Amino acid sequence: TLGLSKTSIGIDIALGVGAPASGVPHALRVEPNPSFGGVRFVLEDPVGSLAEAEVMDLLGRVVRRLGPAPLGAHASIVWDGRNAQGTRVPAGLYLVRVRRAGQVQNTRVMLLQ
């Protein structure tokens, strides 16, 4: 017999260890996605806060750090599609980690040629 267990798989579900951050995470959008150049990470916070973002390649290497920047309500962080040295990054999928108000959110960006 097979030792099958009851397992469920969730798509786009974040799991973590430790105490959860206070409050409910606010929406994070990427516009446009996919993109031929720069993108905006739109933060749907009702109040202002400090925010920073890390853009990473699929191996987890940081391509560019943005911020920290004081943002007002419903503000955005802009990434121009360039690395820390100012060179345009190759087309592909990039992972983005946004930190704000004690919360961390992850999203993805697809850059096209």
PDB file of N, CA and C in Angstrom:
ATOM      1  N   THR A   1       0.837  -1.185   0.000  1.00  0.00           N
ATOM      2  CA  THR A   1       0.000   0.000   0.000  1.00  0.00           C
ATOM      3  C   THR A   1       0.881   1.247   0.000  1.00  0.00           C
ATOM      4  N   LEU A   2       0.339   2.268  -0.567  1.00  0.00           N
ATOM      5  CA  LEU A   2       1.031   3.545  -0.594  1.00  0.00           C
ATOM      6  C   LEU A   2       0.701   4.323   0.664  1.00  0.00           C
ATOM      7  N   GLY A   3       1.691   4.974   1.249  1.00  0.00           N
ATOM      8  CA  GLY A   3       1.478   5.793   2.438  1.00  0.00           C
ATOM      9  C   GLY A   3       1.087   7.202   2.041  1.00  0.00           C
ATOM     10  N   LEU A   4      -0.154   7.362   1.586  1.00  0.00           N
ATOM     11  CA  LEU A   4      -0.612   8.665   1.146  1.00  0.00           C
ATOM     12  C   LEU A   4      -1.138   9.470   2.330  1.00  0.00           C
ATOM     13  N   SER A   5      -0.813  10.720   2.353  1.00  0.00           N
ATOM     14  CA  SER A   5      -1.341  11.595   3.390  1.00  0.00           C
ATOM     15  C   SER A   5      -2.230  12.638   2.732  1.00  0.00           C
ATOM     16  N   LYS A   6      -3.049  13.229   3.542  1.00  0.00           N
ATOM     17  CA  LYS A   6      -3.903  14.293   3.024  1.00  0.00           C
ATOM     18  C   LYS A   6      -3.056  15.552   2.904  1.00  0.00           C
ATOM     19  N   THR A   7      -2.820  15.971   1.668  1.00  0.00           N
ATOM     20  CA  THR A   7      -1.984  17.125   1.395  1.00  0.00           C
ATOM     21  C   THR A   7      -2.732  18.057   0.470  1.00  0.00           C
ATOM     22  N   SER A   8      -2.596  19.340   0.711  1.00  0.00           N
ATOM     23  CA  SER A   8      -3.187  20.312  -0.204  1.00  0.00           C
ATOM     24  C   SER A   8      -2.081  21.237  -0.695  1.00  0.00           C
ATOM     25  N   ILE A   9      -2.256  21.677  -1.905  1.00  0.00           N
ATOM     26  CA  ILE A   9      -1.290  22.562  -2.524  1.00  0.00           C
ATOM     27  C   ILE A   9      -1.995  23.873  -2.818  1.00  0.00           C
ATOM     28  N   GLY A  10      -1.375  24.971  -2.401  1.00  0.00           N
ATOM     29  CA  GLY A  10      -1.951  26.290  -2.649  1.00  0.00           C
ATOM     30  C   GLY A  10      -1.083  27.064  -3.612  1.00  0.00           C
ATOM     31  N   ILE A  11      -1.701  27.747  -4.538  1.00  0.00           N
ATOM     32  CA  ILE A  11      -0.989  28.568  -5.494  1.00  0.00           C
ATOM     33  C   ILE A  11      -0.990  30.007  -4.985  1.00  0.00           C
ATOM     34  N   ASP A  12       0.191  30.647  -4.987  1.00  0.00           N
ATOM     35  CA  ASP A  12       0.346  32.040  -4.581  1.00  0.00           C
ATOM     36  C   ASP A  12      -0.067  32.270  -3.127  1.00  0.00           C
ATOM     37  N   ILE A  13       0.290  31.301  -2.248  1.00  0.00           N
ATOM     38  CA  ILE A  13       0.025  31.416  -0.821  1.00  0.00           C
ATOM     39  C   ILE A  13       1.360  31.600  -0.119  1.00  0.00           C
ATOM     40  N   ALA A  14       1.443  32.600   0.733  1.00  0.00           N
ATOM     41  CA  ALA A  14       2.679  32.857   1.470  1.00  0.00           C
ATOM     42  C   ALA A  14       2.634  32.154   2.815  1.00  0.00           C
ATOM     43  N   LEU A  15       3.668  31.397   3.114  1.00  0.00           N
ATOM     44  CA  LEU A  15       3.790  30.733   4.394  1.00  0.00           C
ATOM     45  C   LEU A  15       4.972  31.333   5.123  1.00  0.00           C
ATOM     46  N   GLY A  16       4.903  31.384   6.436  1.00  0.00           N
ATOM     47  CA  GLY A  16       6.000  31.971   7.179  1.00  0.00           C
ATOM     48  C   GLY A  16       6.162  31.324   8.525  1.00  0.00           C
ATOM     49  N   VAL A  17       7.253  31.673   9.189  1.00  0.00           N
ATOM     50  CA  VAL A  17       7.538  31.174  10.519  1.00  0.00           C
ATOM     51  C   VAL A  17       7.632  32.381  11.430  1.00  0.00           C
ATOM     52  N   GLY A  18       7.115  32.256  12.623  1.00  0.00           N
ATOM     53  CA  GLY A  18       7.184  33.360  13.571  1.00  0.00           C
ATOM     54  C   GLY A  18       5.856  34.062  13.695  1.00  0.00           C
ATOM     55  N   ALA A  19       5.872  35.093  14.496  1.00  0.00           N
ATOM     56  CA  ALA A  19       4.645  35.831  14.750  1.00  0.00           C
ATOM     57  C   ALA A  19       4.240  36.612  13.509  1.00  0.00           C
ATOM     58  N   PRO A  20       2.953  36.628  13.201  1.00  0.00           N
ATOM     59  CA  PRO A  20       2.508  37.390  12.040  1.00  0.00           C
ATOM     60  C   PRO A  20       2.618  38.882  12.312  1.00  0.00           C
ATOM     61  N   ALA A  21       2.783  39.653  11.250  1.00  0.00           N
ATOM     62  CA  ALA A  21       2.830  41.107  11.381  1.00  0.00           C
ATOM     63  C   ALA A  21       1.454  41.617  11.771  1.00  0.00           C
ATOM     64  N   SER A  22       1.443  42.708  12.503  1.00  0.00           N
ATOM     65  CA  SER A  22       0.168  43.256  12.920  1.00  0.00           C
ATOM     66  C   SER A  22      -0.553  43.861  11.733  1.00  0.00           C
ATOM     67  N   GLY A  23      -1.866  43.805  11.771  1.00  0.00           N
ATOM     68  CA  GLY A  23      -2.666  44.394  10.717  1.00  0.00           C
ATOM     69  C   GLY A  23      -2.826  43.478   9.524  1.00  0.00           C
ATOM     70  N   VAL A  24      -3.653  43.908   8.621  1.00  0.00           N
ATOM     71  CA  VAL A  24      -3.948  43.157   7.409  1.00  0.00           C
ATOM     72  C   VAL A  24      -3.087  43.704   6.279  1.00  0.00           C
ATOM     73  N   PRO A  25      -2.449  42.833   5.480  1.00  0.00           N
ATOM     74  CA  PRO A  25      -1.631  43.338   4.382  1.00  0.00           C
ATOM     75  C   PRO A  25      -2.484  44.127   3.394  1.00  0.00           C
ATOM     76  N   HIS A  26      -1.939  45.228   2.917  1.00  0.00           N
ATOM     77  CA  HIS A  26      -2.642  46.042   1.931  1.00  0.00           C
ATOM     78  C   HIS A  26      -2.264  45.565   0.541  1.00  0.00           C
ATOM     79  N   ALA A  27      -3.102  45.892  -0.421  1.00  0.00           N
ATOM     80  CA  ALA A  27      -2.891  45.431  -1.792  1.00  0.00           C
ATOM     81  C   ALA A  27      -1.604  46.004  -2.380  1.00  0.00           C
ATOM     82  N   LEU A  28      -0.975  45.204  -3.222  1.00  0.00           N
ATOM     83  CA  LEU A  28       0.235  45.592  -3.944  1.00  0.00           C
ATOM     84  C   LEU A  28       0.022  45.199  -5.396  1.00  0.00           C
ATOM     85  N   ARG A  29       0.065  46.182  -6.307  1.00  0.00           N
ATOM     86  CA  ARG A  29      -0.106  45.916  -7.736  1.00  0.00           C
ATOM     87  C   ARG A  29       1.160  46.290  -8.485  1.00  0.00           C
ATOM     88  N   VAL A  30       1.377  45.652  -9.633  1.00  0.00           N
ATOM     89  CA  VAL A  30       2.486  45.987 -10.524  1.00  0.00           C
ATOM     90  C   VAL A  30       1.870  46.483 -11.826  1.00  0.00           C
ATOM     91  N   GLU A  31       2.273  47.687 -12.253  1.00  0.00           N
ATOM     92  CA  GLU A  31       1.713  48.275 -13.470  1.00  0.00           C
ATOM     93  C   GLU A  31       2.830  48.797 -14.357  1.00  0.00           C
ATOM     94  N   PRO A  32       2.859  48.500 -15.624  1.00  0.00           N
ATOM     95  CA  PRO A  32       2.186  47.385 -16.276  1.00  0.00           C
ATOM     96  C   PRO A  32       2.948  46.087 -16.022  1.00  0.00           C
ATOM     97  N   ASN A  33       2.295  45.007 -16.160  1.00  0.00           N
ATOM     98  CA  ASN A  33       2.927  43.697 -15.980  1.00  0.00           C
ATOM     99  C   ASN A  33       2.241  42.708 -16.902  1.00  0.00           C
ATOM    100  N   PRO A  34       2.932  42.248 -17.954  1.00  0.00           N
ATOM    101  CA  PRO A  34       4.341  42.417 -18.303  1.00  0.00           C
ATOM    102  C   PRO A  34       4.626  43.827 -18.812  1.00  0.00           C
ATOM    103  N   SER A  35       5.933  44.148 -18.871  1.00  0.00           N
ATOM    104  CA  SER A  35       6.364  45.484 -19.246  1.00  0.00           C
ATOM    105  C   SER A  35       7.542  45.420 -20.207  1.00  0.00           C
ATOM    106  N   PHE A  36       7.658  46.441 -21.047  1.00  0.00           N
ATOM    107  CA  PHE A  36       8.809  46.580 -21.937  1.00  0.00           C
ATOM    108  C   PHE A  36       9.873  47.489 -21.330  1.00  0.00           C
ATOM    109  N   GLY A  37       9.627  48.012 -20.150  1.00  0.00           N
ATOM    110  CA  GLY A  37      10.591  48.922 -19.522  1.00  0.00           C
ATOM    111  C   GLY A  37      10.314  49.031 -18.044  1.00  0.00           C
ATOM    112  N   GLY A  38      10.074  50.238 -17.586  1.00  0.00           N
ATOM    113  CA  GLY A  38       9.840  50.475 -16.169  1.00  0.00           C
ATOM    114  C   GLY A  38       8.477  50.008 -15.698  1.00  0.00           C
ATOM    115  N   VAL A  39       8.397  49.779 -14.408  1.00  0.00           N
ATOM    116  CA  VAL A  39       7.138  49.378 -13.780  1.00  0.00           C
ATOM    117  C   VAL A  39       6.933  50.185 -12.498  1.00  0.00           C
ATOM    118  N   ARG A  40       5.699  50.230 -12.061  1.00  0.00           N
ATOM    119  CA  ARG A  40       5.348  50.872 -10.790  1.00  0.00           C
ATOM    120  C   ARG A  40       4.778  49.814  -9.863  1.00  0.00           C
ATOM    121  N   PHE A  41       5.254  49.817  -8.617  1.00  0.00           N
ATOM    122  CA  PHE A  41       4.687  48.976  -7.575  1.00  0.00           C
ATOM    123  C   PHE A  41       3.735  49.868  -6.803  1.00  0.00           C
ATOM    124  N   VAL A  42       2.441  49.689  -7.023  1.00  0.00           N
ATOM    125  CA  VAL A  42       1.418  50.548  -6.435  1.00  0.00           C
ATOM    126  C   VAL A  42       1.031  49.979  -5.081  1.00  0.00           C
ATOM    127  N   LEU A  43       1.198  50.795  -4.038  1.00  0.00           N
ATOM    128  CA  LEU A  43       0.934  50.393  -2.668  1.00  0.00           C
ATOM    129  C   LEU A  43      -0.408  50.959  -2.230  1.00  0.00           C
ATOM    130  N   GLU A  44      -1.337  50.088  -1.943  1.00  0.00           N
ATOM    131  CA  GLU A  44      -2.683  50.515  -1.570  1.00  0.00           C
ATOM    132  C   GLU A  44      -2.813  50.704  -0.065  1.00  0.00           C
ATOM    133  N   ASP A  45      -1.983  51.552   0.512  1.00  0.00           N
ATOM    134  CA  ASP A  45      -2.082  51.866   1.936  1.00  0.00           C
ATOM    135  C   ASP A  45      -3.011  53.056   2.123  1.00  0.00           C
ATOM    136  N   PRO A  46      -3.878  53.014   3.124  1.00  0.00           N
ATOM    137  CA  PRO A  46      -4.741  54.174   3.370  1.00  0.00           C
ATOM    138  C   PRO A  46      -3.982  55.345   3.993  1.00  0.00           C
ATOM    139  N   VAL A  47      -2.817  55.072   4.588  1.00  0.00           N
ATOM    140  CA  VAL A  47      -1.993  56.125   5.192  1.00  0.00           C
ATOM    141  C   VAL A  47      -0.561  55.965   4.695  1.00  0.00           C
ATOM    142  N   GLY A  48       0.237  56.983   4.887  1.00  0.00           N
ATOM    143  CA  GLY A  48       1.621  56.945   4.435  1.00  0.00           C
ATOM    144  C   GLY A  48       2.500  56.078   5.323  1.00  0.00           C
ATOM    145  N   SER A  49       3.626  55.641   4.771  1.00  0.00           N
ATOM    146  CA  SER A  49       4.591  54.833   5.512  1.00  0.00           C
ATOM    147  C   SER A  49       5.910  54.829   4.751  1.00  0.00           C
ATOM    148  N   LEU A  50       6.938  54.299   5.373  1.00  0.00           N
ATOM    149  CA  LEU A  50       8.209  54.078   4.684  1.00  0.00           C
ATOM    150  C   LEU A  50       8.107  52.768   3.927  1.00  0.00           C
ATOM    151  N   ALA A  51       8.639  52.720   2.731  1.00  0.00           N
ATOM    152  CA  ALA A  51       8.597  51.496   1.939  1.00  0.00           C
ATOM    153  C   ALA A  51       9.923  51.318   1.223  1.00  0.00           C
ATOM    154  N   GLU A  52      10.304  50.055   1.028  1.00  0.00           N
ATOM    155  CA  GLU A  52      11.485  49.724   0.237  1.00  0.00           C
ATOM    156  C   GLU A  52      11.203  48.441  -0.529  1.00  0.00           C
ATOM    157  N   ALA A  53      11.895  48.277  -1.639  1.00  0.00           N
ATOM    158  CA  ALA A  53      11.698  47.096  -2.477  1.00  0.00           C
ATOM    159  C   ALA A  53      13.050  46.538  -2.897  1.00  0.00           C
ATOM    160  N   GLU A  54      13.105  45.225  -3.022  1.00  0.00           N
ATOM    161  CA  GLU A  54      14.267  44.539  -3.575  1.00  0.00           C
ATOM    162  C   GLU A  54      13.796  43.781  -4.809  1.00  0.00           C
ATOM    163  N   VAL A  55      14.451  44.021  -5.930  1.00  0.00           N
ATOM    164  CA  VAL A  55      14.175  43.294  -7.160  1.00  0.00           C
ATOM    165  C   VAL A  55      15.243  42.223  -7.275  1.00  0.00           C
ATOM    166  N   MET A  56      14.822  40.968  -7.443  1.00  0.00           N
ATOM    167  CA  MET A  56      15.753  39.841  -7.482  1.00  0.00           C
ATOM    168  C   MET A  56      15.559  39.020  -8.746  1.00  0.00           C
ATOM    169  N   ASP A  57      16.646  38.378  -9.187  1.00  0.00           N
ATOM    170  CA  ASP A  57      16.522  37.427 -10.289  1.00  0.00           C
ATOM    171  C   ASP A  57      15.997  36.109  -9.731  1.00  0.00           C
ATOM    172  N   LEU A  58      15.802  35.130 -10.589  1.00  0.00           N
ATOM    173  CA  LEU A  58      15.213  33.859 -10.145  1.00  0.00           C
ATOM    174  C   LEU A  58      16.141  33.028  -9.266  1.00  0.00           C
ATOM    175  N   LEU A  59      17.418  33.412  -9.174  1.00  0.00           N
ATOM    176  CA  LEU A  59      18.347  32.735  -8.268  1.00  0.00           C
ATOM    177  C   LEU A  59      18.382  33.418  -6.905  1.00  0.00           C
ATOM    178  N   GLY A  60      17.584  34.479  -6.737  1.00  0.00           N
ATOM    179  CA  GLY A  60      17.521  35.177  -5.466  1.00  0.00           C
ATOM    180  C   GLY A  60      18.572  36.262  -5.287  1.00  0.00           C
ATOM    181  N   ARG A  61      19.329  36.556  -6.343  1.00  0.00           N
ATOM    182  CA  ARG A  61      20.342  37.615  -6.264  1.00  0.00           C
ATOM    183  C   ARG A  61      19.659  38.966  -6.415  1.00  0.00           C
ATOM    184  N   VAL A  62      20.010  39.912  -5.547  1.00  0.00           N
ATOM    185  CA  VAL A  62      19.409  41.241  -5.602  1.00  0.00           C
ATOM    186  C   VAL A  62      19.965  41.992  -6.810  1.00  0.00           C
ATOM    187  N   VAL A  63      19.067  42.405  -7.688  1.00  0.00           N
ATOM    188  CA  VAL A  63      19.406  43.149  -8.891  1.00  0.00           C
ATOM    189  C   VAL A  63      19.390  44.645  -8.598  1.00  0.00           C
ATOM    190  N   ARG A  64      18.410  45.072  -7.780  1.00  0.00           N
ATOM    191  CA  ARG A  64      18.265  46.503  -7.475  1.00  0.00           C
ATOM    192  C   ARG A  64      17.498  46.670  -6.174  1.00  0.00           C
ATOM    193  N   ARG A  65      17.948  47.618  -5.367  1.00  0.00           N
ATOM    194  CA  ARG A  65      17.228  48.018  -4.152  1.00  0.00           C
ATOM    195  C   ARG A  65      16.620  49.390  -4.391  1.00  0.00           C
ATOM    196  N   LEU A  66      15.369  49.555  -3.989  1.00  0.00           N
ATOM    197  CA  LEU A  66      14.657  50.816  -4.159  1.00  0.00           C
ATOM    198  C   LEU A  66      14.179  51.296  -2.797  1.00  0.00           C
ATOM    199  N   GLY A  67      14.487  52.528  -2.446  1.00  0.00           N
ATOM    200  CA  GLY A  67      14.069  53.076  -1.162  1.00  0.00           C
ATOM    201  C   GLY A  67      15.136  52.846  -0.109  1.00  0.00           C
ATOM    202  N   PRO A  68      14.849  53.021   1.161  1.00  0.00           N
ATOM    203  CA  PRO A  68      13.509  53.320   1.680  1.00  0.00           C
ATOM    204  C   PRO A  68      13.078  54.733   1.307  1.00  0.00           C
ATOM    205  N   ALA A  69      11.796  54.871   1.066  1.00  0.00           N
ATOM    206  CA  ALA A  69      11.241  56.150   0.665  1.00  0.00           C
ATOM    207  C   ALA A  69       9.964  56.409   1.448  1.00  0.00           C
ATOM    208  N   PRO A  70       9.783  57.628   1.944  1.00  0.00           N
ATOM    209  CA  PRO A  70       8.521  57.957   2.599  1.00  0.00           C
ATOM    210  C   PRO A  70       7.436  58.094   1.538  1.00  0.00           C
ATOM    211  N   LEU A  71       6.376  57.367   1.702  1.00  0.00           N
ATOM    212  CA  LEU A  71       5.303  57.375   0.707  1.00  0.00           C
ATOM    213  C   LEU A  71       3.998  57.834   1.346  1.00  0.00           C
ATOM    214  N   GLY A  72       3.247  58.600   0.615  1.00  0.00           N
ATOM    215  CA  GLY A  72       1.920  58.998   1.057  1.00  0.00           C
ATOM    216  C   GLY A  72       0.911  57.910   0.743  1.00  0.00           C
ATOM    217  N   ALA A  73      -0.323  58.185   1.060  1.00  0.00           N
ATOM    218  CA  ALA A  73      -1.396  57.218   0.797  1.00  0.00           C
ATOM    219  C   ALA A  73      -1.488  56.921  -0.700  1.00  0.00           C
ATOM    220  N   HIS A  74      -1.665  55.655  -1.063  1.00  0.00           N
ATOM    221  CA  HIS A  74      -1.845  55.185  -2.443  1.00  0.00           C
ATOM    222  C   HIS A  74      -0.681  55.599  -3.347  1.00  0.00           C
ATOM    223  N   ALA A  75       0.538  55.523  -2.840  1.00  0.00           N
ATOM    224  CA  ALA A  75       1.727  55.916  -3.596  1.00  0.00           C
ATOM    225  C   ALA A  75       2.327  54.713  -4.313  1.00  0.00           C
ATOM    226  N   SER A  76       3.434  54.952  -5.017  1.00  0.00           N
ATOM    227  CA  SER A  76       4.077  53.861  -5.745  1.00  0.00           C
ATOM    228  C   SER A  76       5.595  54.018  -5.700  1.00  0.00           C
ATOM    229  N   ILE A  77       6.263  52.883  -5.912  1.00  0.00           N
ATOM    230  CA  ILE A  77       7.713  52.844  -6.079  1.00  0.00           C
ATOM    231  C   ILE A  77       7.946  52.503  -7.541  1.00  0.00           C
ATOM    232  N   VAL A  78       8.834  53.224  -8.200  1.00  0.00           N
ATOM    233  CA  VAL A  78       9.081  53.007  -9.626  1.00  0.00           C
ATOM    234  C   VAL A  78      10.423  52.306  -9.803  1.00  0.00           C
ATOM    235  N   TRP A  79      10.422  51.259 -10.642  1.00  0.00           N
ATOM    236  CA  TRP A  79      11.652  50.583 -11.051  1.00  0.00           C
ATOM    237  C   TRP A  79      11.790  50.789 -12.549  1.00  0.00           C
ATOM    238  N   ASP A  80      12.930  51.295 -12.980  1.00  0.00           N
ATOM    239  CA  ASP A  80      13.157  51.611 -14.386  1.00  0.00           C
ATOM    240  C   ASP A  80      13.655  50.433 -15.223  1.00  0.00           C
ATOM    241  N   GLY A  81      13.694  49.233 -14.631  1.00  0.00           N
ATOM    242  CA  GLY A  81      14.154  48.062 -15.380  1.00  0.00           C
ATOM    243  C   GLY A  81      15.662  47.967 -15.478  1.00  0.00           C
ATOM    244  N   ARG A  82      16.357  48.698 -14.596  1.00  0.00           N
ATOM    245  CA  ARG A  82      17.819  48.707 -14.609  1.00  0.00           C
ATOM    246  C   ARG A  82      18.363  48.155 -13.299  1.00  0.00           C
ATOM    247  N   ASN A  83      19.593  47.640 -13.356  1.00  0.00           N
ATOM    248  CA  ASN A  83      20.233  47.118 -12.151  1.00  0.00           C
ATOM    249  C   ASN A  83      20.875  48.257 -11.370  1.00  0.00           C
ATOM    250  N   ALA A  84      21.574  47.927 -10.298  1.00  0.00           N
ATOM    251  CA  ALA A  84      22.187  48.936  -9.431  1.00  0.00           C
ATOM    252  C   ALA A  84      23.256  49.751 -10.162  1.00  0.00           C
ATOM    253  N   GLN A  85      23.849  49.198 -11.215  1.00  0.00           N
ATOM    254  CA  GLN A  85      24.876  49.907 -11.981  1.00  0.00           C
ATOM    255  C   GLN A  85      24.276  50.765 -13.098  1.00  0.00           C
ATOM    256  N   GLY A  86      22.969  50.735 -13.260  1.00  0.00           N
ATOM    257  CA  GLY A  86      22.307  51.534 -14.283  1.00  0.00           C
ATOM    258  C   GLY A  86      22.163  50.861 -15.626  1.00  0.00           C
ATOM    259  N   THR A  87      22.504  49.572 -15.699  1.00  0.00           N
ATOM    260  CA  THR A  87      22.389  48.819 -16.946  1.00  0.00           C
ATOM    261  C   THR A  87      21.025  48.153 -17.021  1.00  0.00           C
ATOM    262  N   ARG A  88      20.406  48.217 -18.193  1.00  0.00           N
ATOM    263  CA  ARG A  88      19.102  47.563 -18.377  1.00  0.00           C
ATOM    264  C   ARG A  88      19.264  46.063 -18.164  1.00  0.00           C
ATOM    265  N   VAL A  89      18.355  45.468 -17.373  1.00  0.00           N
ATOM    266  CA  VAL A  89      18.436  44.029 -17.102  1.00  0.00           C
ATOM    267  C   VAL A  89      17.836  43.253 -18.273  1.00  0.00           C
ATOM    268  N   PRO A  90      18.238  42.002 -18.448  1.00  0.00           N
ATOM    269  CA  PRO A  90      17.688  41.192 -19.541  1.00  0.00           C
ATOM    270  C   PRO A  90      16.197  40.912 -19.346  1.00  0.00           C
ATOM    271  N   ALA A  91      15.528  40.617 -20.435  1.00  0.00           N
ATOM    272  CA  ALA A  91      14.126  40.219 -20.360  1.00  0.00           C
ATOM    273  C   ALA A  91      14.009  38.961 -19.511  1.00  0.00           C
ATOM    274  N   GLY A  92      12.911  38.839 -18.809  1.00  0.00           N
ATOM    275  CA  GLY A  92      12.689  37.656 -17.994  1.00  0.00           C
ATOM    276  C   GLY A  92      11.807  37.955 -16.801  1.00  0.00           C
ATOM    277  N   LEU A  93      11.687  36.960 -15.935  1.00  0.00           N
ATOM    278  CA  LEU A  93      10.861  37.058 -14.741  1.00  0.00           C
ATOM    279  C   LEU A  93      11.724  37.508 -13.565  1.00  0.00           C
ATOM    280  N   TYR A  94      11.241  38.481 -12.809  1.00  0.00           N
ATOM    281  CA  TYR A  94      11.942  38.989 -11.639  1.00  0.00           C
ATOM    282  C   TYR A  94      11.029  38.925 -10.426  1.00  0.00           C
ATOM    283  N   LEU A  95      11.611  38.627  -9.290  1.00  0.00           N
ATOM    284  CA  LEU A  95      10.884  38.553  -8.031  1.00  0.00           C
ATOM    285  C   LEU A  95      11.080  39.870  -7.292  1.00  0.00           C
ATOM    286  N   VAL A  96      10.046  40.330  -6.615  1.00  0.00           N
ATOM    287  CA  VAL A  96      10.123  41.602  -5.913  1.00  0.00           C
ATOM    288  C   VAL A  96       9.624  41.405  -4.487  1.00  0.00           C
ATOM    289  N   ARG A  97      10.400  41.916  -3.534  1.00  0.00           N
ATOM    290  CA  ARG A  97      10.024  41.875  -2.117  1.00  0.00           C
ATOM    291  C   ARG A  97       9.853  43.317  -1.648  1.00  0.00           C
ATOM    292  N   VAL A  98       8.647  43.654  -1.186  1.00  0.00           N
ATOM    293  CA  VAL A  98       8.349  45.004  -0.716  1.00  0.00           C
ATOM    294  C   VAL A  98       8.148  44.954   0.792  1.00  0.00           C
ATOM    295  N   ARG A  99       8.857  45.844   1.493  1.00  0.00           N
ATOM    296  CA  ARG A  99       8.723  45.957   2.945  1.00  0.00           C
ATOM    297  C   ARG A  99       8.124  47.312   3.262  1.00  0.00           C
ATOM    298  N   ARG A 100       7.065  47.296   4.105  1.00  0.00           N
ATOM    299  CA  ARG A 100       6.431  48.537   4.541  1.00  0.00           C
ATOM    300  C   ARG A 100       5.563  48.281   5.751  1.00  0.00           C
ATOM    301  N   ALA A 101       5.563  49.211   6.642  1.00  0.00           N
ATOM    302  CA  ALA A 101       4.709  49.158   7.838  1.00  0.00           C
ATOM    303  C   ALA A 101       4.823  47.822   8.565  1.00  0.00           C
ATOM    304  N   GLY A 102       6.044  47.284   8.668  1.00  0.00           N
ATOM    305  CA  GLY A 102       6.258  46.031   9.381  1.00  0.00           C
ATOM    306  C   GLY A 102       5.790  44.790   8.639  1.00  0.00           C
ATOM    307  N   GLN A 103       5.434  44.919   7.384  1.00  0.00           N
ATOM    308  CA  GLN A 103       4.960  43.785   6.588  1.00  0.00           C
ATOM    309  C   GLN A 103       5.880  43.566   5.396  1.00  0.00           C
ATOM    310  N   VAL A 104       5.931  42.325   4.929  1.00  0.00           N
ATOM    311  CA  VAL A 104       6.699  41.974   3.738  1.00  0.00           C
ATOM    312  C   VAL A 104       5.737  41.333   2.751  1.00  0.00           C
ATOM    313  N   GLN A 105       5.756  41.823   1.516  1.00  0.00           N
ATOM    314  CA  GLN A 105       4.926  41.235   0.469  1.00  0.00           C
ATOM    315  C   GLN A 105       5.805  40.922  -0.728  1.00  0.00           C
ATOM    316  N   ASN A 106       5.464  39.861  -1.430  1.00  0.00           N
ATOM    317  CA  ASN A 106       6.218  39.418  -2.597  1.00  0.00           C
ATOM    318  C   ASN A 106       5.326  39.475  -3.827  1.00  0.00           C
ATOM    319  N   THR A 107       5.940  39.813  -4.950  1.00  0.00           N
ATOM    320  CA  THR A 107       5.231  39.806  -6.218  1.00  0.00           C
ATOM    321  C   THR A 107       6.221  39.470  -7.319  1.00  0.00           C
ATOM    322  N   ARG A 108       5.758  39.405  -8.556  1.00  0.00           N
ATOM    323  CA  ARG A 108       6.604  39.082  -9.699  1.00  0.00           C
ATOM    324  C   ARG A 108       6.405  40.116 -10.793  1.00  0.00           C
ATOM    325  N   VAL A 109       7.461  40.291 -11.585  1.00  0.00           N
ATOM    326  CA  VAL A 109       7.433  41.215 -12.714  1.00  0.00           C
ATOM    327  C   VAL A 109       8.011  40.502 -13.922  1.00  0.00           C
ATOM    328  N   MET A 110       7.333  40.589 -15.056  1.00  0.00           N
ATOM    329  CA  MET A 110       7.846  40.030 -16.292  1.00  0.00           C
ATOM    330  C   MET A 110       8.284  41.174 -17.199  1.00  0.00           C
ATOM    331  N   LEU A 111       9.594  41.224 -17.482  1.00  0.00           N
ATOM    332  CA  LEU A 111      10.118  42.229 -18.411  1.00  0.00           C
ATOM    333  C   LEU A 111      10.275  41.584 -19.786  1.00  0.00           C
ATOM    334  N   LEU A 112       9.810  42.285 -20.802  1.00  0.00           N
ATOM    335  CA  LEU A 112       9.900  41.812 -22.178  1.00  0.00           C
ATOM    336  C   LEU A 112      10.964  42.616 -22.918  1.00  0.00           C
ATOM    337  N   GLN A 113      11.440  42.113 -24.052  1.00  0.00           N
ATOM    338  CA  GLN A 113      12.439  42.842 -24.870  1.00  0.00           C
ATOM    339  C   GLN A 113      11.786  43.981 -25.594  1.00  0.00           C
TER     340      GLN A 113
END
